[in-house]
Amino acid sequence: MKLPGHDAIARQADEHLVTHRVKLPRKAVERPIRQVGKRLAMALLVLVVTVVIVYADHDGYHDNADSSVDLLDAAYYATVTLSTTGYGDITPVSDSARLTNILVITPLRVLFLIILVGTTLEVLTERTREEWRLSRWRSTLRDHTVVVGFGTKGRSAIQTVCATGLKKQQVVVVDPSTKVIDAATAEGYAGVIGDATRSEVLKRAEVQRARQIIIATQRDDTAVLVALTARQLNRQAKIVAAVREEENAPLLKQSGADAVITSASAAGRLLGLSVLSPAAGMVMEDLIQQGSGLDLVERPVTKAEAGRSPREIDDLVVSVVRGHRVLGYDDPSVAPLQLTDRLITIVRATPATRVTPDTRPLPQD
């Protein structure tokens, strides 16, 4: 078992960000800072236009301090006028200046207020709307899939599960990287930023109400901690995890994982098979890629199939799941088939053959 010591794990956990937040998928919009920057630029433009207008007609204005109005006075007057402060020390006295104030300065004042006040109201409204979406999302999220880690393994796992009919709204991605969560939300998944080894982070992903949990972290020790935490929060969920080293798989199962995939060994076996038979390697890769070519599907036995042998089924039966056992198609004990059995079959991938994956927890060894 290649795991760092307890102290090293604790230090690693402390180094992660303590703060965590939920990000829901949304349409691509400009960043708030950029939006505010645009509004400020527009407001400055309105201010500059007002200064130019006042200074162009500075002879029509009177300053209580020195009677004349220069460029600085024009800027001062434009500022206090647009902000509705209006000290009254500089006032329009000629008819042309007063007419300009009515037809030009006043609309500019209204536009200036709309830009600044509108920005504040928009920010507050957006924040309220986001809080409402988050509250509604939490109240309606049930029997969903939590994916810890959105790297190559996590992304491929989500694509495979979604190819069987799972909606993107039922997937929550947990990852400590903000950029990774941004990528997940851009693809339509909800995301939680934080360290998945912490129970409060998994609770934000509503893992206690999840139906299945996929652990696809970069480190085996992290996967063990996540499995322990997730199993403590949810005793019924199906937990599937990936590890790099095969010797770490038993510990991960002891930590609560129902199934453990050794990524390095699986890739190595597929490479070896491709060397012996490139065609067989292509077929295996096709089988594990849902939604195209041939698919490996688990489905219940139909009433018409009950009492028959697996060889008499129209679909190509590979194995039969009976109770806590997975039996081969040629096992004498699988015939006749029972209604409580489930068949693992190879079918041609079409919209008609798309089957919702089995949602029962896998049996413990």
Protein backbone atom coordinates (compact mmCIF):
# COMPACT_ATOMS: atom_id res chain seq x y z
CA MET A 1 0.00 0.00 0.00
CA LYS A 2 1.58 3.26 -1.17
CA LEU A 3 -0.05 5.88 0.96
CA PRO A 4 1.58 8.83 2.76
CA GLY A 5 1.45 8.95 6.52
CA HIS A 6 -1.48 10.33 8.45
CA ASP A 7 0.36 13.60 9.18
CA ALA A 8 1.17 14.12 5.52
CA ILE A 9 -2.46 13.58 4.58
CA ALA A 10 -3.57 16.07 7.24
CA ARG A 11 -1.10 18.67 6.00
CA GLN A 12 -2.26 18.12 2.44
CA ALA A 13 -5.89 18.63 3.46
CA ASP A 14 -5.03 21.81 5.35
CA GLU A 15 -3.29 23.21 2.30
CA HIS A 16 -6.56 23.09 0.30
CA LEU A 17 -8.88 26.06 0.27
CA VAL A 18 -11.21 26.06 3.23
CA THR A 19 -13.82 28.05 1.33
CA HIS A 20 -16.07 26.26 -1.11
CA ARG A 21 -19.03 27.24 -3.19
CA VAL A 22 -21.54 25.87 -5.64
CA LYS A 23 -21.63 26.93 -9.29
CA LEU A 24 -24.63 26.12 -11.44
CA PRO A 25 -24.45 25.92 -15.25
CA ARG A 26 -25.47 29.12 -16.94
CA LYS A 27 -25.36 30.88 -20.27
CA ALA A 28 -22.10 32.52 -21.26
CA VAL A 29 -22.14 36.12 -20.04
CA GLU A 30 -19.54 38.78 -19.48
CA ARG A 31 -17.70 38.89 -16.20
CA PRO A 32 -19.24 41.22 -13.59
CA ILE A 33 -16.02 43.25 -13.42
CA ARG A 34 -16.14 43.80 -17.16
CA GLN A 35 -19.82 44.78 -16.99
CA VAL A 36 -19.14 47.29 -14.20
CA GLY A 37 -16.14 48.60 -16.12
CA LYS A 38 -18.29 49.22 -19.17
CA ARG A 39 -20.87 51.05 -17.08
CA LEU A 40 -18.19 53.25 -15.50
CA ALA A 41 -16.73 54.02 -18.92
CA MET A 42 -20.18 55.04 -20.15
CA ALA A 43 -20.68 57.23 -17.08
CA LEU A 44 -17.30 58.93 -17.63
CA LEU A 45 -18.21 59.49 -21.27
CA VAL A 46 -21.46 61.19 -20.22
CA LEU A 47 -19.49 63.33 -17.76
CA VAL A 48 -16.97 64.36 -20.42
CA VAL A 49 -19.74 65.26 -22.88
CA THR A 50 -21.39 67.39 -20.21
CA VAL A 51 -18.12 69.18 -19.42
CA VAL A 52 -17.59 69.97 -23.12
CA ILE A 53 -21.13 71.30 -23.48
CA VAL A 54 -20.85 73.54 -20.40
CA TYR A 55 -17.40 74.82 -21.32
CA ALA A 56 -18.49 75.57 -24.90
CA ASP A 57 -21.11 77.94 -23.46
CA HIS A 58 -19.15 79.09 -20.39
CA ASP A 59 -20.06 82.73 -21.05
CA GLY A 60 -23.66 81.87 -20.21
CA TYR A 61 -22.72 80.67 -16.69
CA HIS A 62 -21.98 82.66 -13.56
CA ASP A 63 -19.63 81.62 -10.78
CA ASN A 64 -20.33 83.16 -7.38
CA ALA A 65 -16.62 82.97 -6.56
CA ASP A 66 -15.01 84.86 -9.47
CA SER A 67 -17.86 85.35 -11.98
CA SER A 68 -15.95 83.56 -14.80
CA VAL A 69 -16.22 79.83 -15.62
CA ASP A 70 -13.07 78.05 -16.83
CA LEU A 71 -12.53 74.37 -17.75
CA LEU A 72 -12.11 73.29 -14.13
CA ASP A 73 -15.31 75.11 -13.19
CA ALA A 74 -17.10 73.40 -16.08
CA ALA A 75 -15.92 69.98 -14.86
CA TYR A 76 -16.97 70.87 -11.31
CA TYR A 77 -20.41 72.03 -12.44
CA ALA A 78 -20.93 68.90 -14.59
CA THR A 79 -19.98 66.64 -11.69
CA VAL A 80 -22.26 68.20 -9.07
CA THR A 81 -25.08 68.51 -11.59
CA LEU A 82 -25.02 64.92 -12.83
CA SER A 83 -24.76 63.61 -9.29
CA THR A 84 -27.79 65.82 -8.38
CA THR A 85 -25.73 67.46 -5.63
CA GLY A 86 -26.26 70.98 -7.01
CA TYR A 87 -24.51 73.43 -4.69
CA GLY A 88 -25.77 76.39 -6.71
CA ASP A 89 -22.45 78.26 -6.75
CA ILE A 90 -22.28 77.95 -10.55
CA THR A 91 -25.56 78.62 -12.32
CA PRO A 92 -26.70 79.14 -15.94
CA VAL A 93 -27.82 82.76 -16.38
CA SER A 94 -28.20 83.22 -20.15
CA ASP A 95 -31.17 81.92 -22.10
CA SER A 96 -29.01 79.65 -24.26
CA ALA A 97 -27.32 78.11 -21.23
CA ARG A 98 -30.66 77.45 -19.51
CA LEU A 99 -32.12 75.97 -22.73
CA THR A 100 -29.11 73.69 -23.03
CA ASN A 101 -29.63 72.60 -19.42
CA ILE A 102 -33.24 71.72 -20.16
CA LEU A 103 -32.71 69.87 -23.44
CA VAL A 104 -29.23 68.34 -22.97
CA ILE A 105 -27.88 68.48 -19.41
CA THR A 106 -31.04 67.10 -17.78
CA PRO A 107 -31.28 64.04 -20.09
CA LEU A 108 -27.56 63.45 -19.50
CA ARG A 109 -28.18 63.64 -15.75
CA VAL A 110 -30.93 61.02 -16.02
CA LEU A 111 -28.71 58.81 -18.20
CA PHE A 112 -25.86 59.15 -15.71
CA LEU A 113 -28.09 58.04 -12.82
CA ILE A 114 -29.53 55.15 -14.83
CA ILE A 115 -26.04 53.86 -15.60
CA LEU A 116 -24.79 53.98 -12.00
CA VAL A 117 -27.98 53.04 -10.16
CA GLY A 118 -28.83 50.44 -12.82
CA THR A 119 -25.48 48.75 -12.27
CA THR A 120 -26.10 48.50 -8.53
CA LEU A 121 -29.62 47.17 -9.01
CA GLU A 122 -28.44 44.66 -11.61
CA VAL A 123 -25.74 43.31 -9.29
CA LEU A 124 -28.23 42.97 -6.42
CA THR A 125 -30.83 41.37 -8.69
CA GLU A 126 -28.30 38.93 -10.12
CA ARG A 127 -27.16 37.95 -6.64
CA THR A 128 -30.74 37.42 -5.49
CA ARG A 129 -31.53 35.41 -8.61
CA GLU A 130 -28.43 33.23 -8.10
CA GLU A 131 -29.34 32.57 -4.47
CA TRP A 132 -32.87 31.60 -5.53
CA ARG A 133 -31.53 29.24 -8.23
CA LEU A 134 -29.17 27.64 -5.73
CA SER A 135 -31.91 27.15 -3.14
CA ARG A 136 -34.27 25.68 -5.73
CA TRP A 137 -31.52 23.42 -7.08
CA ARG A 138 -30.80 22.02 -3.63
CA SER A 139 -34.47 21.39 -2.85
CA THR A 140 -35.11 19.50 -6.11
CA LEU A 141 -31.87 17.51 -6.37
CA ARG A 142 -32.55 13.83 -5.70
CA ASP A 143 -31.00 10.52 -6.85
CA HIS A 144 -28.27 12.34 -8.77
CA THR A 145 -24.70 11.42 -9.68
CA VAL A 146 -21.74 13.02 -7.93
CA VAL A 147 -18.43 12.97 -9.81
CA VAL A 148 -15.30 13.77 -7.81
CA GLY A 149 -12.62 14.93 -10.23
CA PHE A 150 -13.23 16.30 -13.71
CA GLY A 151 -10.05 15.16 -15.40
CA THR A 152 -9.86 12.71 -18.28
CA LYS A 153 -11.29 9.83 -16.21
CA GLY A 154 -14.09 11.87 -14.64
CA ARG A 155 -15.12 13.50 -17.91
CA SER A 156 -15.16 10.15 -19.74
CA ALA A 157 -17.19 8.57 -16.94
CA ILE A 158 -19.81 11.33 -17.14
CA GLN A 159 -20.03 11.06 -20.92
CA THR A 160 -20.52 7.30 -20.68
CA VAL A 161 -23.26 7.57 -18.06
CA CYS A 162 -25.01 10.41 -19.89
CA ALA A 163 -24.94 8.33 -23.09
CA THR A 164 -27.30 5.89 -21.36
CA GLY A 165 -29.90 8.58 -20.72
CA LEU A 166 -28.78 10.41 -17.57
CA LYS A 167 -29.54 14.13 -17.82
CA LYS A 168 -26.80 16.68 -17.26
CA GLN A 169 -28.99 18.36 -14.62
CA GLN A 170 -28.55 15.20 -12.53
CA VAL A 171 -24.75 15.42 -12.44
CA VAL A 172 -22.73 17.37 -9.85
CA VAL A 173 -18.97 17.75 -10.28
CA VAL A 174 -16.70 18.29 -7.26
CA ASP A 175 -13.17 19.58 -7.80
CA PRO A 176 -10.80 21.93 -5.92
CA SER A 177 -9.87 23.85 -9.08
CA THR A 178 -11.98 26.85 -10.10
CA LYS A 179 -10.94 26.48 -13.74
CA VAL A 180 -12.02 22.84 -13.78
CA ILE A 181 -15.43 23.69 -12.32
CA ASP A 182 -15.81 26.50 -14.86
CA ALA A 183 -15.18 23.94 -17.60
CA ALA A 184 -17.76 21.59 -16.06
CA THR A 185 -20.43 24.28 -15.79
CA ALA A 186 -19.71 25.35 -19.36
CA GLU A 187 -20.68 21.82 -20.42
CA GLY A 188 -23.95 22.02 -18.48
CA TYR A 189 -23.05 20.34 -15.19
CA ALA A 190 -23.43 21.80 -11.71
CA GLY A 191 -20.14 22.19 -9.87
CA VAL A 192 -18.87 22.47 -6.31
CA ILE A 193 -15.46 24.03 -5.71
CA GLY A 194 -13.65 22.45 -2.78
CA ASP A 195 -11.75 19.51 -1.35
CA ALA A 196 -13.94 16.40 -1.61
CA THR A 197 -12.21 14.79 1.39
CA ARG A 198 -14.10 17.30 3.58
CA SER A 199 -17.64 16.36 4.52
CA GLU A 200 -18.95 19.94 4.22
CA VAL A 201 -17.90 20.03 0.57
CA LEU A 202 -19.67 16.76 -0.23
CA LYS A 203 -22.74 17.98 1.64
CA ARG A 204 -22.87 21.00 -0.66
CA ALA A 205 -23.00 18.51 -3.53
CA GLU A 206 -25.95 16.85 -1.71
CA VAL A 207 -24.00 13.58 -1.65
CA GLN A 208 -26.21 12.33 1.17
CA ARG A 209 -29.09 12.16 -1.35
CA ALA A 210 -27.06 10.93 -4.33
CA ARG A 211 -27.74 7.62 -6.02
CA GLN A 212 -24.25 7.02 -7.36
CA ILE A 213 -20.81 8.50 -6.73
CA ILE A 214 -17.89 8.36 -9.15
CA ILE A 215 -14.44 8.98 -7.67
CA ALA A 216 -11.88 9.90 -10.32
CA THR A 217 -9.18 11.74 -8.39
CA GLN A 218 -5.55 12.04 -9.43
CA ARG A 219 -4.16 10.39 -6.27
CA ASP A 220 -5.03 7.05 -4.70
CA ASP A 221 -4.79 8.35 -1.12
CA THR A 222 -7.26 11.11 -1.99
CA ALA A 223 -9.64 8.53 -3.47
CA VAL A 224 -9.51 6.52 -0.22
CA LEU A 225 -10.36 9.57 1.90
CA VAL A 226 -13.18 10.59 -0.44
CA ALA A 227 -14.65 7.07 -0.37
CA LEU A 228 -14.55 7.01 3.43
CA THR A 229 -16.23 10.40 3.70
CA ALA A 230 -18.84 9.66 1.03
CA ARG A 231 -19.76 6.28 2.53
CA GLN A 232 -20.13 7.86 5.95
CA LEU A 233 -22.59 10.42 4.53
CA ASN A 234 -24.49 8.00 2.30
CA ARG A 235 -24.79 4.31 3.16
CA GLN A 236 -26.96 3.40 0.17
CA ALA A 237 -25.24 5.08 -2.78
CA LYS A 238 -23.30 3.08 -5.34
CA ILE A 239 -19.67 4.19 -5.17
CA VAL A 240 -17.32 3.48 -8.06
CA ALA A 241 -13.69 4.61 -7.87
CA ALA A 242 -10.57 4.58 -10.01
CA VAL A 243 -7.06 3.97 -8.69
CA ARG A 244 -3.65 4.04 -10.34
CA GLU A 245 -2.00 1.20 -8.40
CA GLU A 246 -3.70 -2.19 -8.30
CA GLU A 247 -2.46 -2.87 -4.78
CA ASN A 248 -4.56 0.06 -3.52
CA ALA A 249 -7.84 -1.40 -4.81
CA PRO A 250 -8.54 -3.64 -1.74
CA LEU A 251 -8.14 -0.70 0.65
CA LEU A 252 -10.49 1.39 -1.45
CA LYS A 253 -13.10 -1.37 -1.28
CA GLN A 254 -12.65 -1.51 2.48
CA SER A 255 -13.22 2.26 2.52
CA GLY A 256 -16.70 1.80 1.06
CA ALA A 257 -16.31 1.59 -2.72
CA ASP A 258 -18.58 -0.95 -4.42
CA ALA A 259 -16.39 -1.25 -7.51
CA VAL A 260 -12.78 -0.23 -8.12
CA ILE A 261 -11.21 0.22 -11.55
CA THR A 262 -7.44 0.11 -11.86
CA SER A 263 -6.87 2.62 -14.63
CA ALA A 264 -3.23 1.78 -15.33
CA SER A 265 -3.82 -1.99 -15.41
CA ALA A 266 -6.96 -1.66 -17.53
CA ALA A 267 -5.14 0.47 -20.07
CA GLY A 268 -2.24 -1.98 -20.04
CA ARG A 269 -4.51 -4.96 -20.66
CA LEU A 270 -6.17 -3.17 -23.56
CA LEU A 271 -2.74 -2.39 -25.00
CA GLY A 272 -1.69 -6.03 -24.66
CA LEU A 273 -4.89 -7.23 -26.27
CA SER A 274 -4.38 -4.80 -29.15
CA VAL A 275 -0.89 -6.20 -29.69
CA LEU A 276 -2.17 -9.77 -29.84
CA SER A 277 -5.21 -8.83 -31.92
CA PRO A 278 -5.75 -5.25 -33.10
CA ALA A 279 -9.29 -6.15 -34.16
CA ALA A 280 -10.11 -7.52 -30.69
CA GLY A 281 -8.72 -4.34 -29.15
CA MET A 282 -10.97 -2.24 -31.39
CA VAL A 283 -14.00 -4.33 -30.39
CA MET A 284 -13.22 -3.93 -26.66
CA GLU A 285 -12.78 -0.18 -27.04
CA ASP A 286 -16.09 -0.04 -28.92
CA LEU A 287 -17.84 -1.97 -26.13
CA ILE A 288 -16.71 0.42 -23.40
CA GLN A 289 -17.68 3.48 -25.45
CA GLN A 290 -21.40 3.96 -24.96
CA GLY A 291 -23.64 5.35 -27.67
CA SER A 292 -21.85 4.10 -30.78
CA GLY A 293 -21.24 0.73 -32.41
CA LEU A 294 -21.71 -2.09 -29.92
CA ASP A 295 -22.77 -1.38 -26.33
CA LEU A 296 -22.52 -3.48 -23.20
CA VAL A 297 -25.92 -3.14 -21.50
CA GLU A 298 -27.34 -4.50 -18.25
CA ARG A 299 -31.10 -4.97 -18.30
CA PRO A 300 -33.77 -7.00 -16.47
CA VAL A 301 -35.17 -10.26 -17.76
CA THR A 302 -38.53 -9.84 -19.52
CA LYS A 303 -41.52 -12.07 -18.94
CA ALA A 304 -41.09 -13.59 -22.39
CA GLU A 305 -37.50 -14.51 -21.58
CA ALA A 306 -38.17 -16.03 -18.14
CA GLY A 307 -37.80 -19.80 -18.12
CA ARG A 308 -35.57 -19.84 -21.19
CA SER A 309 -31.84 -20.38 -21.58
CA PRO A 310 -29.45 -17.44 -22.19
CA ARG A 311 -28.61 -18.96 -25.59
CA GLU A 312 -32.27 -18.71 -26.59
CA ILE A 313 -32.40 -14.94 -26.01
CA ASP A 314 -32.41 -12.68 -29.07
CA ASP A 315 -29.67 -10.47 -27.59
CA LEU A 316 -26.14 -11.74 -27.15
CA VAL A 317 -25.98 -12.58 -23.43
CA VAL A 318 -22.54 -12.33 -21.82
CA SER A 319 -23.37 -12.83 -18.15
CA VAL A 320 -26.31 -13.21 -15.81
CA VAL A 321 -26.57 -11.29 -12.53
CA ARG A 322 -28.42 -13.41 -9.97
CA GLY A 323 -28.56 -12.12 -6.43
CA HIS A 324 -24.99 -11.37 -5.34
CA ARG A 325 -23.38 -13.41 -8.08
CA VAL A 326 -22.34 -12.67 -11.65
CA LEU A 327 -22.53 -15.90 -13.66
CA GLY A 328 -21.28 -16.64 -17.14
CA TYR A 329 -23.72 -17.32 -19.95
CA ASP A 330 -22.50 -20.93 -20.13
CA ASP A 331 -22.91 -21.64 -16.43
CA PRO A 332 -25.36 -24.56 -16.10
CA SER A 333 -27.05 -22.93 -13.09
CA VAL A 334 -28.29 -19.88 -15.05
CA ALA A 335 -30.89 -21.90 -16.98
CA PRO A 336 -33.74 -21.35 -16.76
CA LEU A 337 -33.69 -17.55 -16.43
CA GLN A 338 -35.69 -15.98 -13.61
CA LEU A 339 -37.64 -12.71 -13.55
CA THR A 340 -35.38 -11.44 -10.77
CA ASP A 341 -32.26 -11.95 -12.91
CA ARG A 342 -30.50 -9.25 -14.84
CA LEU A 343 -28.76 -9.83 -18.16
CA ILE A 344 -25.52 -8.28 -19.34
CA THR A 345 -25.87 -8.23 -23.11
CA ILE A 346 -24.09 -6.89 -26.18
CA VAL A 347 -26.43 -4.86 -28.40
CA ARG A 348 -26.14 -2.53 -31.36
CA ALA A 349 -26.21 1.07 -30.12
CA THR A 350 -29.39 2.77 -31.35
CA PRO A 351 -31.82 5.23 -29.68
CA ALA A 352 -34.25 2.33 -29.27
CA THR A 353 -31.74 0.24 -27.34
CA ARG A 354 -30.77 3.00 -24.93
CA VAL A 355 -31.39 1.65 -21.44
CA THR A 356 -31.30 3.45 -18.12
CA PRO A 357 -28.43 1.98 -16.13
CA ASP A 358 -29.05 -0.18 -13.11
CA THR A 359 -29.43 2.00 -10.04
CA ARG A 360 -29.14 -0.66 -7.37
CA PRO A 361 -26.03 -0.65 -5.16
CA LEU A 362 -23.59 -3.37 -6.09
CA PRO A 363 -23.36 -6.20 -3.57
CA GLN A 364 -20.57 -6.08 -1.04
CA ASP A 365 -18.02 -8.90 -1.09
